[in-house]
Amino acid sequence: MTDFRFADVNDVPVLTALINRAFAVEKFFKVGERTDETELASLLEAGRMLVAEEAGSVTGCVYVKIEGERGYIGLLSVDPTRQRTGLGTRLISAAEEFCRESGCHFADITVVNLREELPGIYQKLGYVITGTEPFPSEQRPVKMDCHFLCMSKELGHR
C-alpha cells in the first residue's frame, strides 16, 4: 500500500537521492545531477513536496507550488524500480488534488523537449501544450540544445 504525505526538511537527503536516481535518464543531455540538498531545501521553502511511501521506504515524490489560481507541478520522481507501475500517475493525481484544495483552477508543468515520451504521457492525463520556454542552461549545463514545453490542465472542482 502506498501512503502519501508532505515532506519536511528531514526528508531532503533521501529525496535528493531519489530525484537524482529518477532523473539519471536525462544524463544524455544534462551535465551533473538533477538537484542537490541546498536547492531542494530552498524549493521546500517556496512550495510543497508530496512524498509516496511504501513499507516505510520513499518510492516517489512530486513538487507543487501554488501561485494564485495556478499550481505548478514539477520534479515528478519515481524510484527506477517502481517506474511503470502507475505510481507517477497517482502522484500527479494527488498533486492536482492539492492544487484544487488550494483554490487552483489550472495545473502547469514543463517538460524538456528532448524527453519525447513525456508530452504524450501528460496529454493522456489531460494536459495540453501551451507554449515553450528556454531551458536555463546557464544554471544547468547541457550537452545539446533544448527547451521546455509548457503544458497546462484545467482542474475541475469536485
N, C-alpha and C. Protein backbone atom coordinates (compact mmCIF):
# COMPACT_ATOMS: atom_id res chain seq x y z
N MET A 1 0.84 -1.18 0.00
CA MET A 1 0.00 0.00 0.00
C MET A 1 0.89 1.25 0.00
N THR A 2 0.44 2.24 -0.75
CA THR A 2 1.19 3.50 -0.84
C THR A 2 0.53 4.55 0.04
N ASP A 3 1.34 5.19 0.86
CA ASP A 3 0.88 6.31 1.68
C ASP A 3 1.48 7.59 1.11
N PHE A 4 0.70 8.67 1.15
CA PHE A 4 1.17 9.97 0.69
C PHE A 4 1.23 10.92 1.87
N ARG A 5 2.26 11.74 1.89
CA ARG A 5 2.42 12.75 2.93
C ARG A 5 3.25 13.89 2.35
N PHE A 6 3.29 15.00 3.07
CA PHE A 6 4.14 16.11 2.65
C PHE A 6 5.51 15.99 3.30
N ALA A 7 6.52 16.36 2.55
CA ALA A 7 7.90 16.30 3.03
C ALA A 7 8.19 17.42 4.01
N ASP A 8 9.19 17.20 4.84
CA ASP A 8 9.74 18.27 5.66
C ASP A 8 11.26 18.27 5.46
N VAL A 9 11.93 19.17 6.11
CA VAL A 9 13.37 19.35 5.91
C VAL A 9 14.16 18.08 6.20
N ASN A 10 13.65 17.22 7.08
CA ASN A 10 14.35 15.98 7.39
C ASN A 10 14.38 15.00 6.22
N ASP A 11 13.49 15.19 5.26
CA ASP A 11 13.42 14.31 4.09
C ASP A 11 14.39 14.70 2.99
N VAL A 12 15.01 15.86 3.10
CA VAL A 12 15.83 16.39 2.00
C VAL A 12 16.90 15.41 1.51
N PRO A 13 17.70 14.79 2.36
CA PRO A 13 18.73 13.88 1.84
C PRO A 13 18.15 12.69 1.05
N VAL A 14 17.11 12.07 1.57
CA VAL A 14 16.51 10.92 0.89
C VAL A 14 15.86 11.35 -0.42
N LEU A 15 15.17 12.49 -0.41
CA LEU A 15 14.51 12.96 -1.63
C LEU A 15 15.52 13.39 -2.69
N THR A 16 16.61 14.00 -2.27
CA THR A 16 17.65 14.40 -3.23
C THR A 16 18.19 13.16 -3.95
N ALA A 17 18.47 12.12 -3.20
CA ALA A 17 18.98 10.88 -3.81
C ALA A 17 17.94 10.26 -4.74
N LEU A 18 16.68 10.23 -4.32
CA LEU A 18 15.61 9.68 -5.16
C LEU A 18 15.48 10.46 -6.46
N ILE A 19 15.42 11.78 -6.37
CA ILE A 19 15.27 12.62 -7.56
C ILE A 19 16.43 12.38 -8.52
N ASN A 20 17.64 12.34 -8.01
CA ASN A 20 18.80 12.14 -8.88
C ASN A 20 18.79 10.76 -9.54
N ARG A 21 18.31 9.73 -8.82
CA ARG A 21 18.18 8.40 -9.44
C ARG A 21 17.12 8.43 -10.53
N ALA A 22 16.00 9.06 -10.24
CA ALA A 22 14.89 9.09 -11.20
C ALA A 22 15.26 9.88 -12.46
N PHE A 23 16.04 10.94 -12.29
CA PHE A 23 16.40 11.80 -13.43
C PHE A 23 17.70 11.36 -14.11
N ALA A 24 18.28 10.25 -13.71
CA ALA A 24 19.51 9.76 -14.36
C ALA A 24 19.28 9.52 -15.85
N VAL A 25 18.05 9.25 -16.24
CA VAL A 25 17.70 9.04 -17.65
C VAL A 25 18.02 10.28 -18.50
N GLU A 26 18.15 11.45 -17.87
CA GLU A 26 18.42 12.69 -18.61
C GLU A 26 19.91 12.98 -18.77
N LYS A 27 20.76 12.08 -18.33
CA LYS A 27 22.21 12.32 -18.43
C LYS A 27 22.69 12.39 -19.88
N PHE A 28 21.86 11.94 -20.83
CA PHE A 28 22.27 12.03 -22.24
C PHE A 28 22.33 13.47 -22.72
N PHE A 29 21.64 14.38 -22.03
CA PHE A 29 21.71 15.79 -22.43
C PHE A 29 22.11 16.73 -21.31
N LYS A 30 22.12 16.28 -20.07
CA LYS A 30 22.49 17.14 -18.94
C LYS A 30 23.86 16.78 -18.39
N VAL A 31 24.50 17.77 -17.82
CA VAL A 31 25.77 17.57 -17.14
C VAL A 31 25.49 17.59 -15.64
N GLY A 32 25.94 16.59 -14.92
CA GLY A 32 25.78 16.58 -13.47
C GLY A 32 24.44 16.04 -13.01
N GLU A 33 24.21 16.19 -11.71
CA GLU A 33 22.99 15.69 -11.08
C GLU A 33 21.82 16.65 -11.31
N ARG A 34 20.61 16.16 -11.13
CA ARG A 34 19.42 16.99 -11.32
C ARG A 34 19.28 18.03 -10.22
N THR A 35 19.60 17.67 -8.99
CA THR A 35 19.43 18.60 -7.87
C THR A 35 20.44 18.30 -6.78
N ASP A 36 20.44 19.15 -5.77
CA ASP A 36 21.27 18.91 -4.58
C ASP A 36 20.45 19.31 -3.36
N GLU A 37 20.98 19.03 -2.19
CA GLU A 37 20.22 19.27 -0.95
C GLU A 37 19.92 20.75 -0.74
N THR A 38 20.82 21.63 -1.13
CA THR A 38 20.59 23.07 -0.96
C THR A 38 19.41 23.53 -1.81
N GLU A 39 19.40 23.12 -3.08
CA GLU A 39 18.29 23.51 -3.96
C GLU A 39 16.97 22.94 -3.46
N LEU A 40 16.98 21.69 -3.06
CA LEU A 40 15.74 21.06 -2.61
C LEU A 40 15.21 21.72 -1.34
N ALA A 41 16.07 22.05 -0.41
CA ALA A 41 15.64 22.75 0.80
C ALA A 41 15.03 24.10 0.44
N SER A 42 15.59 24.78 -0.53
CA SER A 42 15.05 26.05 -0.99
C SER A 42 13.67 25.87 -1.62
N LEU A 43 13.51 24.82 -2.41
CA LEU A 43 12.20 24.55 -3.01
C LEU A 43 11.14 24.29 -1.94
N LEU A 44 11.53 23.61 -0.88
CA LEU A 44 10.57 23.32 0.20
C LEU A 44 10.13 24.58 0.93
N GLU A 45 10.93 25.62 0.86
CA GLU A 45 10.53 26.90 1.46
C GLU A 45 9.49 27.60 0.59
N ALA A 46 9.53 27.36 -0.72
CA ALA A 46 8.64 28.04 -1.66
C ALA A 46 7.38 27.24 -1.98
N GLY A 47 7.42 25.93 -1.80
CA GLY A 47 6.29 25.08 -2.16
C GLY A 47 6.25 23.85 -1.27
N ARG A 48 5.58 22.82 -1.76
CA ARG A 48 5.43 21.57 -1.00
C ARG A 48 5.91 20.40 -1.85
N MET A 49 6.42 19.39 -1.21
CA MET A 49 6.82 18.16 -1.89
C MET A 49 5.94 17.04 -1.34
N LEU A 50 5.18 16.44 -2.22
CA LEU A 50 4.35 15.30 -1.86
C LEU A 50 5.21 14.04 -2.00
N VAL A 51 5.19 13.21 -0.97
CA VAL A 51 6.04 12.03 -0.91
C VAL A 51 5.18 10.77 -0.90
N ALA A 52 5.58 9.77 -1.68
CA ALA A 52 4.94 8.45 -1.66
C ALA A 52 5.85 7.51 -0.89
N GLU A 53 5.24 6.76 0.03
CA GLU A 53 5.98 5.78 0.82
C GLU A 53 5.29 4.43 0.71
N GLU A 54 6.11 3.39 0.62
CA GLU A 54 5.61 2.02 0.62
C GLU A 54 6.45 1.23 1.60
N ALA A 55 5.81 0.62 2.57
CA ALA A 55 6.51 -0.18 3.59
C ALA A 55 7.64 0.61 4.24
N GLY A 56 7.40 1.90 4.49
CA GLY A 56 8.38 2.74 5.17
C GLY A 56 9.48 3.29 4.30
N SER A 57 9.48 2.95 3.01
CA SER A 57 10.51 3.45 2.09
C SER A 57 9.92 4.49 1.15
N VAL A 58 10.66 5.56 0.91
CA VAL A 58 10.24 6.60 -0.02
C VAL A 58 10.40 6.05 -1.44
N THR A 59 9.30 6.03 -2.20
CA THR A 59 9.33 5.48 -3.55
C THR A 59 9.05 6.52 -4.63
N GLY A 60 8.60 7.70 -4.23
CA GLY A 60 8.33 8.74 -5.23
C GLY A 60 8.06 10.07 -4.57
N CYS A 61 8.09 11.13 -5.39
CA CYS A 61 7.77 12.46 -4.90
C CYS A 61 7.41 13.36 -6.07
N VAL A 62 6.74 14.44 -5.76
CA VAL A 62 6.40 15.45 -6.76
C VAL A 62 6.31 16.79 -6.05
N TYR A 63 6.82 17.82 -6.70
CA TYR A 63 6.84 19.18 -6.15
C TYR A 63 5.61 19.94 -6.61
N VAL A 64 5.03 20.73 -5.71
CA VAL A 64 3.87 21.57 -6.04
C VAL A 64 4.08 22.96 -5.46
N LYS A 65 3.88 23.96 -6.31
CA LYS A 65 3.96 25.35 -5.87
C LYS A 65 2.69 26.05 -6.30
N ILE A 66 2.00 26.64 -5.34
CA ILE A 66 0.74 27.34 -5.61
C ILE A 66 1.04 28.80 -5.88
N GLU A 67 0.51 29.30 -6.99
CA GLU A 67 0.65 30.72 -7.35
C GLU A 67 -0.71 31.22 -7.80
N GLY A 68 -1.47 31.74 -6.85
CA GLY A 68 -2.81 32.23 -7.16
C GLY A 68 -3.73 31.08 -7.57
N GLU A 69 -4.31 31.20 -8.76
CA GLU A 69 -5.23 30.17 -9.24
C GLU A 69 -4.53 29.10 -10.07
N ARG A 70 -3.20 29.11 -10.04
CA ARG A 70 -2.43 28.12 -10.80
C ARG A 70 -1.51 27.36 -9.86
N GLY A 71 -1.37 26.09 -10.12
CA GLY A 71 -0.43 25.27 -9.38
C GLY A 71 0.62 24.74 -10.32
N TYR A 72 1.89 24.90 -9.96
CA TYR A 72 2.98 24.35 -10.76
C TYR A 72 3.35 22.99 -10.17
N ILE A 73 3.39 21.99 -11.02
CA ILE A 73 3.75 20.63 -10.62
C ILE A 73 5.06 20.27 -11.31
N GLY A 74 6.05 19.84 -10.55
CA GLY A 74 7.33 19.52 -11.15
C GLY A 74 8.12 18.49 -10.37
N LEU A 75 9.27 18.16 -10.90
CA LEU A 75 10.20 17.21 -10.28
C LEU A 75 9.54 15.86 -9.97
N LEU A 76 8.59 15.45 -10.80
CA LEU A 76 7.99 14.13 -10.60
C LEU A 76 9.10 13.09 -10.64
N SER A 77 9.24 12.36 -9.56
CA SER A 77 10.32 11.39 -9.42
C SER A 77 9.78 10.10 -8.84
N VAL A 78 10.05 9.01 -9.54
CA VAL A 78 9.66 7.68 -9.07
C VAL A 78 10.91 6.82 -9.06
N ASP A 79 11.11 6.11 -7.96
CA ASP A 79 12.25 5.21 -7.88
C ASP A 79 12.28 4.33 -9.13
N PRO A 80 13.44 4.21 -9.78
CA PRO A 80 13.50 3.43 -11.02
C PRO A 80 12.93 2.01 -10.90
N THR A 81 13.01 1.40 -9.71
CA THR A 81 12.45 0.06 -9.54
C THR A 81 10.93 0.06 -9.49
N ARG A 82 10.32 1.24 -9.34
CA ARG A 82 8.85 1.36 -9.24
C ARG A 82 8.25 2.08 -10.45
N GLN A 83 9.07 2.43 -11.43
CA GLN A 83 8.54 3.09 -12.62
C GLN A 83 7.70 2.12 -13.43
N ARG A 84 6.74 2.68 -14.15
CA ARG A 84 5.80 1.92 -14.98
C ARG A 84 4.84 1.06 -14.15
N THR A 85 4.56 1.51 -12.91
CA THR A 85 3.61 0.80 -12.05
C THR A 85 2.37 1.64 -11.77
N GLY A 86 2.31 2.85 -12.31
CA GLY A 86 1.19 3.74 -12.03
C GLY A 86 1.44 4.71 -10.89
N LEU A 87 2.57 4.57 -10.21
CA LEU A 87 2.86 5.45 -9.07
C LEU A 87 2.99 6.90 -9.51
N GLY A 88 3.63 7.15 -10.64
CA GLY A 88 3.76 8.53 -11.14
C GLY A 88 2.41 9.16 -11.41
N THR A 89 1.51 8.40 -12.01
CA THR A 89 0.15 8.90 -12.27
C THR A 89 -0.57 9.21 -10.97
N ARG A 90 -0.40 8.35 -9.97
CA ARG A 90 -1.05 8.60 -8.67
C ARG A 90 -0.46 9.83 -7.99
N LEU A 91 0.85 10.04 -8.13
CA LEU A 91 1.47 11.24 -7.57
C LEU A 91 0.94 12.50 -8.26
N ILE A 92 0.82 12.47 -9.58
CA ILE A 92 0.27 13.62 -10.31
C ILE A 92 -1.16 13.88 -9.86
N SER A 93 -1.97 12.83 -9.73
CA SER A 93 -3.36 12.99 -9.28
C SER A 93 -3.42 13.61 -7.88
N ALA A 94 -2.55 13.16 -6.99
CA ALA A 94 -2.52 13.71 -5.64
C ALA A 94 -2.08 15.17 -5.66
N ALA A 95 -1.11 15.50 -6.53
CA ALA A 95 -0.66 16.89 -6.65
C ALA A 95 -1.78 17.77 -7.20
N GLU A 96 -2.51 17.26 -8.19
CA GLU A 96 -3.64 18.02 -8.74
C GLU A 96 -4.71 18.24 -7.68
N GLU A 97 -4.97 17.23 -6.87
CA GLU A 97 -5.97 17.37 -5.81
C GLU A 97 -5.53 18.44 -4.80
N PHE A 98 -4.25 18.46 -4.45
CA PHE A 98 -3.74 19.50 -3.56
C PHE A 98 -3.94 20.87 -4.20
N CYS A 99 -3.68 20.98 -5.49
CA CYS A 99 -3.90 22.25 -6.19
C CYS A 99 -5.37 22.67 -6.10
N ARG A 100 -6.28 21.73 -6.37
CA ARG A 100 -7.72 22.03 -6.27
C ARG A 100 -8.07 22.53 -4.86
N GLU A 101 -7.61 21.79 -3.86
CA GLU A 101 -7.91 22.15 -2.47
C GLU A 101 -7.34 23.51 -2.11
N SER A 102 -6.31 23.93 -2.82
CA SER A 102 -5.68 25.24 -2.58
C SER A 102 -6.31 26.34 -3.42
N GLY A 103 -7.38 26.03 -4.14
CA GLY A 103 -8.09 27.03 -4.92
C GLY A 103 -7.61 27.22 -6.34
N CYS A 104 -6.78 26.33 -6.82
CA CYS A 104 -6.26 26.46 -8.19
C CYS A 104 -7.30 25.99 -9.21
N HIS A 105 -7.31 26.67 -10.35
CA HIS A 105 -8.16 26.27 -11.47
C HIS A 105 -7.35 25.59 -12.56
N PHE A 106 -6.03 25.75 -12.52
CA PHE A 106 -5.16 25.16 -13.53
C PHE A 106 -3.93 24.55 -12.88
N ALA A 107 -3.41 23.50 -13.51
CA ALA A 107 -2.12 22.92 -13.13
C ALA A 107 -1.19 23.09 -14.32
N ASP A 108 0.03 23.50 -14.06
CA ASP A 108 1.03 23.72 -15.10
C ASP A 108 2.24 22.82 -14.86
N ILE A 109 2.79 22.31 -15.95
CA ILE A 109 4.02 21.53 -15.88
C ILE A 109 4.92 21.97 -17.02
N THR A 110 6.20 21.67 -16.89
CA THR A 110 7.13 21.86 -18.00
C THR A 110 7.89 20.56 -18.19
N VAL A 111 8.12 20.21 -19.45
CA VAL A 111 8.92 19.03 -19.77
C VAL A 111 9.97 19.43 -20.80
N VAL A 112 11.11 18.81 -20.74
CA VAL A 112 12.18 19.10 -21.69
C VAL A 112 11.83 18.45 -23.03
N ASN A 113 11.97 19.21 -24.10
CA ASN A 113 11.59 18.70 -25.42
C ASN A 113 12.35 17.43 -25.82
N LEU A 114 13.54 17.22 -25.28
CA LEU A 114 14.32 16.04 -25.63
C LEU A 114 13.77 14.75 -25.02
N ARG A 115 12.90 14.88 -24.03
CA ARG A 115 12.22 13.71 -23.44
C ARG A 115 10.93 13.49 -24.22
N GLU A 116 11.08 12.97 -25.42
CA GLU A 116 9.98 12.88 -26.38
C GLU A 116 8.81 12.04 -25.90
N GLU A 117 9.04 11.14 -24.94
CA GLU A 117 7.97 10.29 -24.44
C GLU A 117 7.03 11.02 -23.48
N LEU A 118 7.49 12.12 -22.90
CA LEU A 118 6.72 12.77 -21.83
C LEU A 118 5.47 13.52 -22.27
N PRO A 119 5.50 14.32 -23.35
CA PRO A 119 4.27 15.04 -23.70
C PRO A 119 3.06 14.12 -23.88
N GLY A 120 3.25 12.99 -24.53
CA GLY A 120 2.13 12.07 -24.74
C GLY A 120 1.58 11.51 -23.44
N ILE A 121 2.46 11.24 -22.50
CA ILE A 121 2.01 10.74 -21.19
C ILE A 121 1.14 11.79 -20.51
N TYR A 122 1.61 13.04 -20.49
CA TYR A 122 0.84 14.09 -19.84
C TYR A 122 -0.43 14.44 -20.61
N GLN A 123 -0.40 14.32 -21.93
CA GLN A 123 -1.62 14.57 -22.71
C GLN A 123 -2.69 13.55 -22.35
N LYS A 124 -2.31 12.31 -22.09
CA LYS A 124 -3.28 11.29 -21.66
C LYS A 124 -3.90 11.64 -20.31
N LEU A 125 -3.19 12.44 -19.52
CA LEU A 125 -3.70 12.88 -18.22
C LEU A 125 -4.48 14.18 -18.32
N GLY A 126 -4.66 14.70 -19.55
CA GLY A 126 -5.46 15.89 -19.76
C GLY A 126 -4.69 17.18 -19.96
N TYR A 127 -3.38 17.12 -20.02
CA TYR A 127 -2.57 18.33 -20.22
C TYR A 127 -2.46 18.64 -21.71
N VAL A 128 -2.39 19.93 -22.02
CA VAL A 128 -2.20 20.38 -23.40
C VAL A 128 -0.97 21.28 -23.45
N ILE A 129 -0.27 21.22 -24.57
CA ILE A 129 0.91 22.07 -24.76
C ILE A 129 0.44 23.50 -24.99
N THR A 130 0.99 24.43 -24.22
CA THR A 130 0.57 25.83 -24.31
C THR A 130 1.67 26.75 -24.80
N GLY A 131 2.89 26.24 -24.95
CA GLY A 131 3.98 27.08 -25.41
C GLY A 131 5.32 26.47 -25.06
N THR A 132 6.36 27.30 -25.18
CA THR A 132 7.72 26.86 -24.86
C THR A 132 8.40 27.91 -23.99
N GLU A 133 9.44 27.48 -23.30
CA GLU A 133 10.29 28.37 -22.51
C GLU A 133 11.73 27.94 -22.71
N PRO A 134 12.67 28.87 -22.62
CA PRO A 134 14.08 28.49 -22.73
C PRO A 134 14.48 27.58 -21.56
N PHE A 135 15.39 26.67 -21.83
CA PHE A 135 15.96 25.85 -20.77
C PHE A 135 17.05 26.67 -20.09
N PRO A 136 17.10 26.70 -18.76
CA PRO A 136 18.10 27.53 -18.06
C PRO A 136 19.50 26.90 -18.08
N SER A 137 20.08 26.82 -19.28
CA SER A 137 21.36 26.12 -19.43
C SER A 137 22.51 26.82 -18.70
N GLU A 138 22.34 28.11 -18.38
CA GLU A 138 23.39 28.78 -17.60
C GLU A 138 23.40 28.28 -16.16
N GLN A 139 22.26 27.78 -15.68
CA GLN A 139 22.18 27.22 -14.33
C GLN A 139 22.38 25.70 -14.34
N ARG A 140 21.97 25.07 -15.42
CA ARG A 140 22.06 23.62 -15.57
C ARG A 140 22.72 23.30 -16.89
N PRO A 141 24.03 23.10 -16.89
CA PRO A 141 24.74 22.85 -18.15
C PRO A 141 24.17 21.65 -18.91
N VAL A 142 24.11 21.80 -20.23
CA VAL A 142 23.58 20.75 -21.09
C VAL A 142 24.57 20.41 -22.19
N LYS A 143 24.41 19.22 -22.74
CA LYS A 143 25.28 18.73 -23.81
C LYS A 143 24.72 19.04 -25.19
N MET A 144 23.43 19.41 -25.25
CA MET A 144 22.80 19.73 -26.53
C MET A 144 21.69 20.75 -26.30
N ASP A 145 21.34 21.46 -27.36
CA ASP A 145 20.29 22.47 -27.25
C ASP A 145 18.97 21.81 -26.86
N CYS A 146 18.24 22.50 -26.00
CA CYS A 146 16.93 22.01 -25.59
C CYS A 146 16.11 23.18 -25.07
N HIS A 147 14.83 22.92 -24.91
CA HIS A 147 13.92 23.92 -24.34
C HIS A 147 12.81 23.19 -23.60
N PHE A 148 12.01 23.94 -22.86
CA PHE A 148 10.88 23.37 -22.15
C PHE A 148 9.63 23.46 -23.02
N LEU A 149 8.80 22.44 -22.94
CA LEU A 149 7.43 22.51 -23.44
C LEU A 149 6.57 22.81 -22.22
N CYS A 150 5.75 23.85 -22.32
CA CYS A 150 4.84 24.21 -21.23
C CYS A 150 3.51 23.51 -21.48
N MET A 151 2.98 22.89 -20.45
CA MET A 151 1.71 22.18 -20.57
C MET A 151 0.82 22.59 -19.41
N SER A 152 -0.49 22.64 -19.68
CA SER A 152 -1.46 23.03 -18.65
C SER A 152 -2.68 22.13 -18.71
N LYS A 153 -3.36 22.08 -17.59
CA LYS A 153 -4.59 21.31 -17.47
C LYS A 153 -5.57 22.11 -16.65
N GLU A 154 -6.80 22.19 -17.12
CA GLU A 154 -7.84 22.83 -16.33
C GLU A 154 -8.28 21.84 -15.26
N LEU A 155 -8.33 22.30 -14.03
CA LEU A 155 -8.71 21.45 -12.92
C LEU A 155 -10.18 21.66 -12.60
N GLY A 156 -10.98 20.67 -12.84
CA GLY A 156 -12.38 20.76 -12.45
C GLY A 156 -12.48 20.63 -10.94
N HIS A 157 -13.35 21.39 -10.34
CA HIS A 157 -13.51 21.30 -8.88
C HIS A 157 -14.52 20.24 -8.54
N ARG A 158 -14.18 19.43 -7.55
CA ARG A 158 -15.05 18.32 -7.16
C ARG A 158 -16.01 18.73 -6.09
